[in-house]
């Protein structure tokens, strides 16, 4: 799985997570964010290939917060 650290709606950094399941990936990403990325980034998204796994913060206010700039537009 990959963790994309977001700044101003764009990917600013990427970490590959060696996690066995979604819960482990979320815990690993949160630890990375709290430990070294929180000062420079607004949050993160975890993806398992094309499957969305988790967004932090969750943006329950309806804003997307982390506009995904991935892949080719068709």
C-alpha atoms as a PDB file:
ATOM      1  CA  UNK A   1       0.000   0.000   0.000  1.00  0.00           C
ATOM      2  CA  UNK A   2       1.046   3.581  -0.529  1.00  0.00           C
ATOM      3  CA  UNK A   3       0.526   6.578   1.679  1.00  0.00           C
ATOM      4  CA  UNK A   4       0.276   9.939  -0.065  1.00  0.00           C
ATOM      5  CA  UNK A   5       0.970  12.939   2.167  1.00  0.00           C
ATOM      6  CA  UNK A   6      -1.091  15.904   1.015  1.00  0.00           C
ATOM      7  CA  UNK A   7      -0.374  19.639   0.921  1.00  0.00           C
ATOM      8  CA  UNK A   8      -2.744  22.186  -0.670  1.00  0.00           C
ATOM      9  CA  UNK A   9      -4.691  19.386  -2.359  1.00  0.00           C
ATOM     10  CA  UNK A  10      -1.597  17.890  -3.998  1.00  0.00           C
ATOM     11  CA  UNK A  11       0.648  14.945  -3.248  1.00  0.00           C
ATOM     12  CA  UNK A  12       3.795  16.192  -1.563  1.00  0.00           C
ATOM     13  CA  UNK A  13       5.391  12.931  -0.447  1.00  0.00           C
ATOM     14  CA  UNK A  14       4.844   9.192  -0.771  1.00  0.00           C
ATOM     15  CA  UNK A  15       5.720   6.290   1.506  1.00  0.00           C
ATOM     16  CA  UNK A  16       5.284   2.598   0.739  1.00  0.00           C
ATOM     17  CA  UNK A  17       3.663   0.862   3.703  1.00  0.00           C
ATOM     18  CA  UNK A  18       4.626  -2.734   4.453  1.00  0.00           C
ATOM     19  CA  UNK A  19       1.363  -3.575   6.193  1.00  0.00           C
ATOM     20  CA  UNK A  20      -0.557  -6.815   6.175  1.00  0.00           C
ATOM     21  CA  UNK A  21      -4.027  -5.296   6.356  1.00  0.00           C
ATOM     22  CA  UNK A  22      -5.866  -1.964   6.247  1.00  0.00           C
ATOM     23  CA  UNK A  23      -5.785  -1.390  10.014  1.00  0.00           C
ATOM     24  CA  UNK A  24      -2.024  -1.920  10.137  1.00  0.00           C
ATOM     25  CA  UNK A  25      -1.540   0.435   7.181  1.00  0.00           C
ATOM     26  CA  UNK A  26      -3.641   3.139   8.835  1.00  0.00           C
ATOM     27  CA  UNK A  27      -1.676   2.803  12.080  1.00  0.00           C
ATOM     28  CA  UNK A  28       1.661   2.936  10.232  1.00  0.00           C
ATOM     29  CA  UNK A  29       0.621   5.987   8.198  1.00  0.00           C
ATOM     30  CA  UNK A  30      -0.659   7.803  11.292  1.00  0.00           C
ATOM     31  CA  UNK A  31       2.638   7.100  13.074  1.00  0.00           C
ATOM     32  CA  UNK A  32       4.602   8.460  10.097  1.00  0.00           C
ATOM     33  CA  UNK A  33       2.371  11.509   9.901  1.00  0.00           C
ATOM     34  CA  UNK A  34       2.639  12.268  13.617  1.00  0.00           C
ATOM     35  CA  UNK A  35       6.365  11.583  13.679  1.00  0.00           C
ATOM     36  CA  UNK A  36       7.700  13.470  10.684  1.00  0.00           C
ATOM     37  CA  UNK A  37       5.055  14.775   8.283  1.00  0.00           C
ATOM     38  CA  UNK A  38       2.515  16.690  10.419  1.00  0.00           C
ATOM     39  CA  UNK A  39       4.530  19.924  10.363  1.00  0.00           C
ATOM     40  CA  UNK A  40       4.718  20.020   6.571  1.00  0.00           C
ATOM     41  CA  UNK A  41       1.526  18.312   5.394  1.00  0.00           C
ATOM     42  CA  UNK A  42      -2.203  18.650   6.037  1.00  0.00           C
ATOM     43  CA  UNK A  43      -3.041  14.962   5.984  1.00  0.00           C
ATOM     44  CA  UNK A  44      -2.678  11.747   4.027  1.00  0.00           C
ATOM     45  CA  UNK A  45      -4.474   9.192   1.892  1.00  0.00           C
ATOM     46  CA  UNK A  46      -3.765   5.467   1.760  1.00  0.00           C
ATOM     47  CA  UNK A  47      -4.303   3.546  -1.457  1.00  0.00           C
ATOM     48  CA  UNK A  48      -3.911  -0.150  -2.215  1.00  0.00           C
ATOM     49  CA  UNK A  49      -3.307   0.081  -5.957  1.00  0.00           C
ATOM     50  CA  UNK A  50      -6.587   1.571  -7.231  1.00  0.00           C
ATOM     51  CA  UNK A  51      -8.531   0.840  -4.016  1.00  0.00           C
ATOM     52  CA  UNK A  52      -8.996   3.797  -1.672  1.00  0.00           C
ATOM     53  CA  UNK A  53      -8.329   2.740   1.919  1.00  0.00           C
ATOM     54  CA  UNK A  54      -8.312   5.787   4.233  1.00  0.00           C
ATOM     55  CA  UNK A  55      -8.067   9.573   4.386  1.00  0.00           C
ATOM     56  CA  UNK A  56      -6.799  11.568   7.366  1.00  0.00           C
ATOM     57  CA  UNK A  57      -8.333  13.821   8.396  1.00  0.00           C
ATOM     58  CA  UNK A  58     -11.609  12.357   7.220  1.00  0.00           C
ATOM     59  CA  UNK A  59     -13.045  15.718   6.018  1.00  0.00           C
ATOM     60  CA  UNK A  60     -16.545  15.049   7.269  1.00  0.00           C
ATOM     61  CA  UNK A  61     -17.419  18.655   6.402  1.00  0.00           C
ATOM     62  CA  UNK A  62     -17.926  17.689   2.757  1.00  0.00           C
ATOM     63  CA  UNK A  63     -14.673  19.155   1.469  1.00  0.00           C
ATOM     64  CA  UNK A  64     -12.434  16.790  -0.430  1.00  0.00           C
ATOM     65  CA  UNK A  65      -9.310  18.337   1.103  1.00  0.00           C
ATOM     66  CA  UNK A  66      -6.922  16.124  -0.811  1.00  0.00           C
ATOM     67  CA  UNK A  67      -7.681  16.508  -4.472  1.00  0.00           C
ATOM     68  CA  UNK A  68      -6.293  13.425  -6.105  1.00  0.00           C
ATOM     69  CA  UNK A  69      -3.866  14.258  -8.880  1.00  0.00           C
ATOM     70  CA  UNK A  70      -3.193  10.687  -9.909  1.00  0.00           C
ATOM     71  CA  UNK A  71      -3.223   8.899 -13.194  1.00  0.00           C
ATOM     72  CA  UNK A  72      -4.133  10.169 -16.618  1.00  0.00           C
ATOM     73  CA  UNK A  73      -7.245  12.152 -17.301  1.00  0.00           C
ATOM     74  CA  UNK A  74      -9.281  10.841 -20.215  1.00  0.00           C
END
